[in-house]
Amino acid sequence: MKQTLLMFFIGSTLAGLTIMACGSSGGGSTPGSSSFVGTYQIESWVENKKGCDPEAGESQLETAKDTMMVIESCTLNFLGQVDSWLHAFKCKDAADCEENKCKPDELKFSGISFETGNDSDGWTVSSAGGGGPPSSETCTAFVWQTTLSRLASGRLAITKTTKKIEDLTKDSEGWCDLDKAKEMAVNAACTEIEVITLVKPGTGSSGTGDSTGDGGGDGTTDSADSGTTDAQSDG
C-alpha cells in the first residue's frame, strides 16, 4: 500500500489513529461512498482485559459519559493532494456530535481513523507500540487492530483486539522492533478485546443478542499503557 502525503504529514500517532486515504474493492469502497456514515447510539460496549472472549467482558456503557458515536468521511487537501478517510468518534448527544464533526482540511487527533477497507469486508486500522527498560536488550510490544463492520442483524460493530508480544529483541538503536512485533502478532493469541455495537437513534435493540464484530479489533481506546519506560508507538 503506498504511503500518502497525509501519512508523511502525520508521522507516528496514537494507537488506532493511523490514517491512510484508500479503500479496496467491495461495497462502499471509498470513505465518501460508505453507507456506514451517520450518527449512532451506542447499544453495547464491552471490554475484556483478561482474554479475547467479549462475552466474558465487562460493560462500559453504564459509566460512559459518551453514549453516541459518529461515523464520518473526512478530507484533507495538502499541497494539492486530496486524501479522505473514514473517521469514528464518541459524543454525548446530537448537538455534541454535530459540533465535533470534521471540517474540510482539518486533521482529527481523537477517535479512530480507518486506513483501509470497504463496507462489505469492513474497515480496518492497525498500529503497534512498545518499550522497556533502557538497560534491557528486550522489550514488550502491543499490536492493535480495530475493525468497523456490519453484523448480520444490521448493527455496526467496532472491534478492537490487542496482542501482547513479550521478550522482543530491540533493534540496533535500542528501540522495540515494531515491524517484527507485527510479524509475530499474525500468529499470536489475542490478549484483550473491546467491542462496541451501534444502532441508529430510536431503533433500539433488535433482540438478536449480537455482541461481537466480524473481525479485527476505540480503536475504542486510543492508546495503551505498556507500563514500561522509553515507550514508542508506530501507526
C-alpha atoms as a PDB file:
ATOM      1  CA  MET A   1       0.000   0.000   0.000  1.00  0.00           C
ATOM      2  CA  LYS A   2       1.523   3.276  -0.997  1.00  0.00           C
ATOM      3  CA  GLN A   3       2.174   5.883   1.643  1.00  0.00           C
ATOM      4  CA  THR A   4       0.305   9.138   1.057  1.00  0.00           C
ATOM      5  CA  LEU A   5       1.322  12.697   1.819  1.00  0.00           C
ATOM      6  CA  LEU A   6      -1.147  12.603   4.681  1.00  0.00           C
ATOM      7  CA  MET A   7       0.736   9.751   6.310  1.00  0.00           C
ATOM      8  CA  PHE A   8       4.023  11.611   5.850  1.00  0.00           C
ATOM      9  CA  PHE A   9       2.494  14.703   7.418  1.00  0.00           C
ATOM     10  CA  ILE A  10       1.148  12.884  10.454  1.00  0.00           C
ATOM     11  CA  GLY A  11       4.051  10.512  11.158  1.00  0.00           C
ATOM     12  CA  SER A  12       3.708   8.345  14.249  1.00  0.00           C
ATOM     13  CA  THR A  13       0.391   8.769  16.035  1.00  0.00           C
ATOM     14  CA  LEU A  14      -1.578   7.414  18.918  1.00  0.00           C
ATOM     15  CA  ALA A  15      -2.626   3.801  18.609  1.00  0.00           C
ATOM     16  CA  GLY A  16      -5.656   3.474  16.417  1.00  0.00           C
ATOM     17  CA  LEU A  17      -5.168   6.878  14.766  1.00  0.00           C
ATOM     18  CA  THR A  18      -3.109   5.961  11.724  1.00  0.00           C
ATOM     19  CA  ILE A  19      -4.669   7.446   8.589  1.00  0.00           C
ATOM     20  CA  MET A  20      -4.368   6.142   5.055  1.00  0.00           C
ATOM     21  CA  ALA A  21      -6.587   7.534   2.341  1.00  0.00           C
ATOM     22  CA  CYS A  22      -7.522   4.419   0.474  1.00  0.00           C
ATOM     23  CA  GLY A  23     -10.139   1.730   0.089  1.00  0.00           C
ATOM     24  CA  SER A  24     -10.363  -1.667  -1.513  1.00  0.00           C
ATOM     25  CA  SER A  25     -12.840  -3.314  -3.833  1.00  0.00           C
ATOM     26  CA  GLY A  26     -16.264  -4.034  -2.402  1.00  0.00           C
ATOM     27  CA  GLY A  27     -19.457  -2.203  -1.480  1.00  0.00           C
ATOM     28  CA  GLY A  28     -18.804   1.311  -0.194  1.00  0.00           C
ATOM     29  CA  SER A  29     -15.195   1.074  -1.325  1.00  0.00           C
ATOM     30  CA  THR A  30     -14.318   4.708  -0.571  1.00  0.00           C
ATOM     31  CA  PRO A  31     -14.900   6.761   2.592  1.00  0.00           C
ATOM     32  CA  GLY A  32     -17.167   9.138   0.686  1.00  0.00           C
ATOM     33  CA  SER A  33     -19.386   6.314  -0.598  1.00  0.00           C
ATOM     34  CA  SER A  34     -19.598   4.338   2.658  1.00  0.00           C
ATOM     35  CA  SER A  35     -23.116   3.561   3.843  1.00  0.00           C
ATOM     36  CA  PHE A  36     -21.732   3.456   7.389  1.00  0.00           C
ATOM     37  CA  VAL A  37     -21.616   7.271   7.563  1.00  0.00           C
ATOM     38  CA  GLY A  38     -24.110   8.574  10.130  1.00  0.00           C
ATOM     39  CA  THR A  39     -24.846   9.276  13.800  1.00  0.00           C
ATOM     40  CA  TYR A  40     -25.458   6.260  16.055  1.00  0.00           C
ATOM     41  CA  GLN A  41     -26.483   5.307  19.561  1.00  0.00           C
ATOM     42  CA  ILE A  42     -24.044   3.041  21.415  1.00  0.00           C
ATOM     43  CA  GLU A  43     -26.146  -0.040  22.147  1.00  0.00           C
ATOM     44  CA  SER A  44     -23.491  -2.093  23.941  1.00  0.00           C
ATOM     45  CA  TRP A  45     -19.861  -1.579  24.936  1.00  0.00           C
ATOM     46  CA  VAL A  46     -17.878  -4.420  26.499  1.00  0.00           C
ATOM     47  CA  GLU A  47     -14.202  -4.759  27.313  1.00  0.00           C
ATOM     48  CA  ASN A  48     -12.297  -7.882  28.324  1.00  0.00           C
ATOM     49  CA  LYS A  49      -8.759  -7.162  29.545  1.00  0.00           C
ATOM     50  CA  LYS A  50      -8.117 -10.784  30.517  1.00  0.00           C
ATOM     51  CA  GLY A  51      -8.879 -12.582  27.265  1.00  0.00           C
ATOM     52  CA  CYS A  52     -10.433 -12.412  23.832  1.00  0.00           C
ATOM     53  CA  ASP A  53     -13.996 -13.500  24.609  1.00  0.00           C
ATOM     54  CA  PRO A  54     -16.286 -10.445  24.561  1.00  0.00           C
ATOM     55  CA  GLU A  55     -18.992 -12.433  26.349  1.00  0.00           C
ATOM     56  CA  ALA A  56     -16.681 -12.552  29.390  1.00  0.00           C
ATOM     57  CA  GLY A  57     -16.023  -8.816  29.263  1.00  0.00           C
ATOM     58  CA  GLU A  58     -17.358  -6.057  31.499  1.00  0.00           C
ATOM     59  CA  SER A  59     -19.876  -3.500  30.266  1.00  0.00           C
ATOM     60  CA  GLN A  60     -18.524   0.047  29.977  1.00  0.00           C
ATOM     61  CA  LEU A  61     -21.784   1.645  28.865  1.00  0.00           C
ATOM     62  CA  GLU A  62     -23.341   2.253  32.283  1.00  0.00           C
ATOM     63  CA  THR A  63     -20.483   4.542  33.371  1.00  0.00           C
ATOM     64  CA  ALA A  64     -19.692   6.098  29.983  1.00  0.00           C
ATOM     65  CA  LYS A  65     -20.055   9.863  29.530  1.00  0.00           C
ATOM     66  CA  ASP A  66     -20.344   9.494  25.762  1.00  0.00           C
ATOM     67  CA  THR A  67     -23.174   7.242  24.587  1.00  0.00           C
ATOM     68  CA  MET A  68     -23.338   8.184  20.914  1.00  0.00           C
ATOM     69  CA  MET A  69     -20.913   7.783  18.019  1.00  0.00           C
ATOM     70  CA  VAL A  70     -20.430   9.433  14.647  1.00  0.00           C
ATOM     71  CA  ILE A  71     -19.054   7.697  11.549  1.00  0.00           C
ATOM     72  CA  GLU A  72     -17.964  10.352   9.043  1.00  0.00           C
ATOM     73  CA  SER A  73     -15.958  10.810   5.875  1.00  0.00           C
ATOM     74  CA  CYS A  74     -13.203  13.420   6.289  1.00  0.00           C
ATOM     75  CA  THR A  75     -10.989  15.032   3.634  1.00  0.00           C
ATOM     76  CA  LEU A  76      -7.714  16.930   3.602  1.00  0.00           C
ATOM     77  CA  ASN A  77      -6.207  18.901   0.714  1.00  0.00           C
ATOM     78  CA  PHE A  78      -2.472  19.065   1.402  1.00  0.00           C
ATOM     79  CA  LEU A  79      -0.373  20.767  -1.265  1.00  0.00           C
ATOM     80  CA  GLY A  80      -2.908  19.841  -3.921  1.00  0.00           C
ATOM     81  CA  GLN A  81      -3.244  16.183  -2.944  1.00  0.00           C
ATOM     82  CA  VAL A  82      -6.691  15.308  -1.611  1.00  0.00           C
ATOM     83  CA  ASP A  83      -6.892  12.471   0.915  1.00  0.00           C
ATOM     84  CA  SER A  84     -10.007  11.067   2.547  1.00  0.00           C
ATOM     85  CA  TRP A  85     -10.637   8.629   5.356  1.00  0.00           C
ATOM     86  CA  LEU A  86     -13.436   7.129   7.441  1.00  0.00           C
ATOM     87  CA  HIS A  87     -13.411   8.570  10.964  1.00  0.00           C
ATOM     88  CA  ALA A  88     -15.322   7.496  14.085  1.00  0.00           C
ATOM     89  CA  PHE A  89     -15.669   9.358  17.371  1.00  0.00           C
ATOM     90  CA  LYS A  90     -17.801   9.214  20.509  1.00  0.00           C
ATOM     91  CA  CYS A  91     -20.018  12.103  21.636  1.00  0.00           C
ATOM     92  CA  LYS A  92     -22.503  12.944  24.409  1.00  0.00           C
ATOM     93  CA  ASP A  93     -25.613  13.911  22.445  1.00  0.00           C
ATOM     94  CA  ALA A  94     -26.773  15.006  18.992  1.00  0.00           C
ATOM     95  CA  ALA A  95     -25.550  18.591  19.483  1.00  0.00           C
ATOM     96  CA  ASP A  96     -22.121  17.451  20.692  1.00  0.00           C
ATOM     97  CA  CYS A  97     -21.857  15.021  17.774  1.00  0.00           C
ATOM     98  CA  GLU A  98     -22.648  17.742  15.241  1.00  0.00           C
ATOM     99  CA  GLU A  99     -20.250  20.252  16.804  1.00  0.00           C
ATOM    100  CA  ASN A 100     -17.284  17.879  16.691  1.00  0.00           C
ATOM    101  CA  LYS A 101     -17.635  16.585  13.141  1.00  0.00           C
ATOM    102  CA  CYS A 102     -14.556  17.098  10.988  1.00  0.00           C
ATOM    103  CA  LYS A 103     -14.304  20.290   8.972  1.00  0.00           C
ATOM    104  CA  PRO A 104     -12.786  20.464   5.463  1.00  0.00           C
ATOM    105  CA  ASP A 105      -8.971  20.236   5.595  1.00  0.00           C
ATOM    106  CA  GLU A 106      -8.999  19.515   9.333  1.00  0.00           C
ATOM    107  CA  LEU A 107      -6.969  16.752  10.977  1.00  0.00           C
ATOM    108  CA  LYS A 108      -8.637  14.948  13.862  1.00  0.00           C
ATOM    109  CA  PHE A 109      -6.333  13.656  16.604  1.00  0.00           C
ATOM    110  CA  SER A 110      -9.033  11.863  18.570  1.00  0.00           C
ATOM    111  CA  GLY A 111     -11.286   8.959  17.748  1.00  0.00           C
ATOM    112  CA  ILE A 112     -10.494   6.286  15.170  1.00  0.00           C
ATOM    113  CA  SER A 113      -9.381   6.822  11.579  1.00  0.00           C
ATOM    114  CA  PHE A 114      -9.660   3.694   9.437  1.00  0.00           C
ATOM    115  CA  GLU A 115      -6.843   3.179   6.956  1.00  0.00           C
ATOM    116  CA  THR A 116      -8.274   0.683   4.501  1.00  0.00           C
ATOM    117  CA  GLY A 117     -11.286  -1.446   3.629  1.00  0.00           C
ATOM    118  CA  ASN A 118     -14.844  -1.290   2.337  1.00  0.00           C
ATOM    119  CA  ASP A 119     -18.375  -1.769   3.647  1.00  0.00           C
ATOM    120  CA  SER A 120     -18.559  -5.417   2.546  1.00  0.00           C
ATOM    121  CA  ASP A 121     -15.361  -6.610   4.219  1.00  0.00           C
ATOM    122  CA  GLY A 122     -15.086  -3.984   6.960  1.00  0.00           C
ATOM    123  CA  TRP A 123     -12.799  -1.009   7.550  1.00  0.00           C
ATOM    124  CA  THR A 124      -9.556  -1.608   9.443  1.00  0.00           C
ATOM    125  CA  VAL A 125      -6.689   0.225  11.114  1.00  0.00           C
ATOM    126  CA  SER A 126      -3.645  -1.418  12.710  1.00  0.00           C
ATOM    127  CA  SER A 127      -0.907   0.020  14.912  1.00  0.00           C
ATOM    128  CA  ALA A 128       1.804  -1.017  17.351  1.00  0.00           C
ATOM    129  CA  GLY A 129       3.700   0.381  20.301  1.00  0.00           C
ATOM    130  CA  GLY A 130       6.130  -0.829  22.906  1.00  0.00           C
ATOM    131  CA  GLY A 131       9.012  -0.159  25.234  1.00  0.00           C
ATOM    132  CA  GLY A 132      11.204  -1.487  28.006  1.00  0.00           C
ATOM    133  CA  PRO A 133      13.937  -0.529  30.474  1.00  0.00           C
ATOM    134  CA  PRO A 134      16.912   1.121  28.703  1.00  0.00           C
ATOM    135  CA  SER A 135      19.260  -1.419  30.294  1.00  0.00           C
ATOM    136  CA  SER A 136      17.368  -4.389  28.849  1.00  0.00           C
ATOM    137  CA  GLU A 137      18.022  -5.926  25.434  1.00  0.00           C
ATOM    138  CA  THR A 138      14.362  -6.914  25.144  1.00  0.00           C
ATOM    139  CA  CYS A 139      11.067  -5.073  25.291  1.00  0.00           C
ATOM    140  CA  THR A 140       7.321  -5.630  25.336  1.00  0.00           C
ATOM    141  CA  ALA A 141       5.217  -4.595  22.347  1.00  0.00           C
ATOM    142  CA  PHE A 142       1.488  -4.305  21.756  1.00  0.00           C
ATOM    143  CA  VAL A 143      -0.194  -4.701  18.378  1.00  0.00           C
ATOM    144  CA  TRP A 144      -3.721  -3.319  17.992  1.00  0.00           C
ATOM    145  CA  GLN A 145      -6.233  -3.927  15.230  1.00  0.00           C
ATOM    146  CA  THR A 146      -9.562  -2.118  15.049  1.00  0.00           C
ATOM    147  CA  THR A 147     -12.305  -3.056  12.602  1.00  0.00           C
ATOM    148  CA  LEU A 148     -15.613  -1.388  11.726  1.00  0.00           C
ATOM    149  CA  SER A 149     -18.073  -3.885  10.237  1.00  0.00           C
ATOM    150  CA  ARG A 150     -21.774  -4.609   9.767  1.00  0.00           C
ATOM    151  CA  LEU A 151     -23.306  -7.515  11.670  1.00  0.00           C
ATOM    152  CA  ALA A 152     -25.964  -9.832  10.272  1.00  0.00           C
ATOM    153  CA  SER A 153     -28.532  -8.002  12.418  1.00  0.00           C
ATOM    154  CA  GLY A 154     -27.775  -4.740  10.617  1.00  0.00           C
ATOM    155  CA  ARG A 155     -25.966  -3.206  13.571  1.00  0.00           C
ATOM    156  CA  LEU A 156     -22.476  -1.787  13.168  1.00  0.00           C
ATOM    157  CA  ALA A 157     -19.678  -3.124  15.368  1.00  0.00           C
ATOM    158  CA  ILE A 158     -16.309  -1.627  16.242  1.00  0.00           C
ATOM    159  CA  THR A 159     -13.991  -4.381  17.434  1.00  0.00           C
ATOM    160  CA  LYS A 160     -10.521  -3.761  18.834  1.00  0.00           C
ATOM    161  CA  THR A 161      -8.116  -6.611  19.578  1.00  0.00           C
ATOM    162  CA  THR A 162      -4.819  -6.332  21.440  1.00  0.00           C
ATOM    163  CA  LYS A 163      -1.904  -8.742  21.090  1.00  0.00           C
ATOM    164  CA  LYS A 164       0.954  -8.574  23.583  1.00  0.00           C
ATOM    165  CA  ILE A 165       4.401  -9.557  22.304  1.00  0.00           C
ATOM    166  CA  GLU A 166       6.880 -10.136  25.146  1.00  0.00           C
ATOM    167  CA  ASP A 167      10.664 -10.604  25.184  1.00  0.00           C
ATOM    168  CA  LEU A 168      11.034  -8.885  21.821  1.00  0.00           C
ATOM    169  CA  THR A 169      14.643  -8.129  20.902  1.00  0.00           C
ATOM    170  CA  LYS A 170      15.341  -4.408  20.472  1.00  0.00           C
ATOM    171  CA  ASP A 171      16.754  -3.112  17.200  1.00  0.00           C
ATOM    172  CA  SER A 172      20.299  -1.783  16.721  1.00  0.00           C
ATOM    173  CA  GLU A 173      19.262   1.650  18.011  1.00  0.00           C
ATOM    174  CA  GLY A 174      17.720   0.286  21.193  1.00  0.00           C
ATOM    175  CA  TRP A 175      14.078   0.617  20.151  1.00  0.00           C
ATOM    176  CA  CYS A 176      11.381  -2.038  20.153  1.00  0.00           C
ATOM    177  CA  ASP A 177      11.334  -3.615  16.685  1.00  0.00           C
ATOM    178  CA  LEU A 178       7.689  -2.895  15.882  1.00  0.00           C
ATOM    179  CA  ASP A 179       7.866  -4.356  12.384  1.00  0.00           C
ATOM    180  CA  LYS A 180       8.980  -7.625  13.950  1.00  0.00           C
ATOM    181  CA  ALA A 181       6.203  -7.313  16.525  1.00  0.00           C
ATOM    182  CA  LYS A 182       3.605  -7.018  13.756  1.00  0.00           C
ATOM    183  CA  GLU A 183       5.017 -10.115  12.055  1.00  0.00           C
ATOM    184  CA  MET A 184       4.860 -12.102  15.296  1.00  0.00           C
ATOM    185  CA  ALA A 185       1.337 -10.842  16.014  1.00  0.00           C
ATOM    186  CA  VAL A 186      -0.045 -12.616  12.942  1.00  0.00           C
ATOM    187  CA  ASN A 187       0.142 -15.959  14.756  1.00  0.00           C
ATOM    188  CA  ALA A 188      -0.074 -14.639  18.317  1.00  0.00           C
ATOM    189  CA  ALA A 189      -3.117 -15.082  20.524  1.00  0.00           C
ATOM    190  CA  CYS A 190      -5.346 -12.126  21.242  1.00  0.00           C
ATOM    191  CA  THR A 191      -4.907 -10.919  24.840  1.00  0.00           C
ATOM    192  CA  GLU A 192      -7.618  -8.244  25.077  1.00  0.00           C
ATOM    193  CA  ILE A 193     -10.789  -7.332  23.200  1.00  0.00           C
ATOM    194  CA  GLU A 194     -13.178  -4.396  23.170  1.00  0.00           C
ATOM    195  CA  VAL A 195     -16.461  -4.336  21.227  1.00  0.00           C
ATOM    196  CA  ILE A 196     -18.926  -1.500  20.656  1.00  0.00           C
ATOM    197  CA  THR A 197     -22.206  -2.101  18.829  1.00  0.00           C
ATOM    198  CA  LEU A 198     -24.077   0.785  17.217  1.00  0.00           C
ATOM    199  CA  VAL A 199     -27.694   1.349  16.200  1.00  0.00           C
ATOM    200  CA  LYS A 200     -29.485   4.305  14.677  1.00  0.00           C
ATOM    201  CA  PRO A 201     -31.057   6.519  17.400  1.00  0.00           C
ATOM    202  CA  GLY A 202     -34.584   5.427  18.240  1.00  0.00           C
ATOM    203  CA  THR A 203     -34.312   1.954  16.731  1.00  0.00           C
ATOM    204  CA  GLY A 204     -33.292   0.231  19.971  1.00  0.00           C
ATOM    205  CA  SER A 205     -32.228  -3.383  20.325  1.00  0.00           C
ATOM    206  CA  SER A 206     -33.476  -5.909  17.814  1.00  0.00           C
ATOM    207  CA  GLY A 207     -33.089  -8.655  20.408  1.00  0.00           C
ATOM    208  CA  THR A 208     -30.729 -10.777  18.310  1.00  0.00           C
ATOM    209  CA  GLY A 209     -28.065 -10.809  21.007  1.00  0.00           C
ATOM    210  CA  ASP A 210     -25.168  -9.911  18.697  1.00  0.00           C
ATOM    211  CA  SER A 211     -22.207  -8.707  20.725  1.00  0.00           C
ATOM    212  CA  THR A 212     -19.182  -9.344  18.560  1.00  0.00           C
ATOM    213  CA  GLY A 213     -17.799  -7.877  15.375  1.00  0.00           C
ATOM    214  CA  ASP A 214     -16.912  -9.690  12.202  1.00  0.00           C
ATOM    215  CA  GLY A 215     -13.150  -9.465  12.503  1.00  0.00           C
ATOM    216  CA  GLY A 216     -10.263  -7.284  13.650  1.00  0.00           C
ATOM    217  CA  GLY A 217     -10.445  -5.498  16.558  1.00  0.00           C
ATOM    218  CA  ASP A 218     -11.603   2.844  20.082  1.00  0.00           C
ATOM    219  CA  GLY A 219      -9.896   1.806  18.369  1.00  0.00           C
ATOM    220  CA  THR A 220     -12.337   2.375  21.074  1.00  0.00           C
ATOM    221  CA  THR A 221      -9.476   3.428  23.257  1.00  0.00           C
ATOM    222  CA  ASP A 222      -6.844   5.473  21.548  1.00  0.00           C
ATOM    223  CA  SER A 223      -3.686   4.203  23.215  1.00  0.00           C
ATOM    224  CA  ALA A 224      -2.395   1.505  25.550  1.00  0.00           C
ATOM    225  CA  ASP A 225      -0.083   1.852  28.531  1.00  0.00           C
ATOM    226  CA  SER A 226       2.598  -0.814  28.434  1.00  0.00           C
ATOM    227  CA  GLY A 227       3.826   0.064  31.911  1.00  0.00           C
ATOM    228  CA  THR A 228       7.413   0.373  30.714  1.00  0.00           C
ATOM    229  CA  THR A 229       9.899   3.140  30.077  1.00  0.00           C
ATOM    230  CA  ASP A 230      11.188   4.604  26.803  1.00  0.00           C
ATOM    231  CA  ALA A 231       7.870   3.770  25.144  1.00  0.00           C
ATOM    232  CA  GLN A 232       7.357   4.248  21.424  1.00  0.00           C
ATOM    233  CA  SER A 233       4.449   3.897  19.023  1.00  0.00           C
ATOM    234  CA  ASP A 234       4.077   3.190  15.349  1.00  0.00           C
ATOM    235  CA  GLY A 235       0.980   3.954  13.336  1.00  0.00           C
END
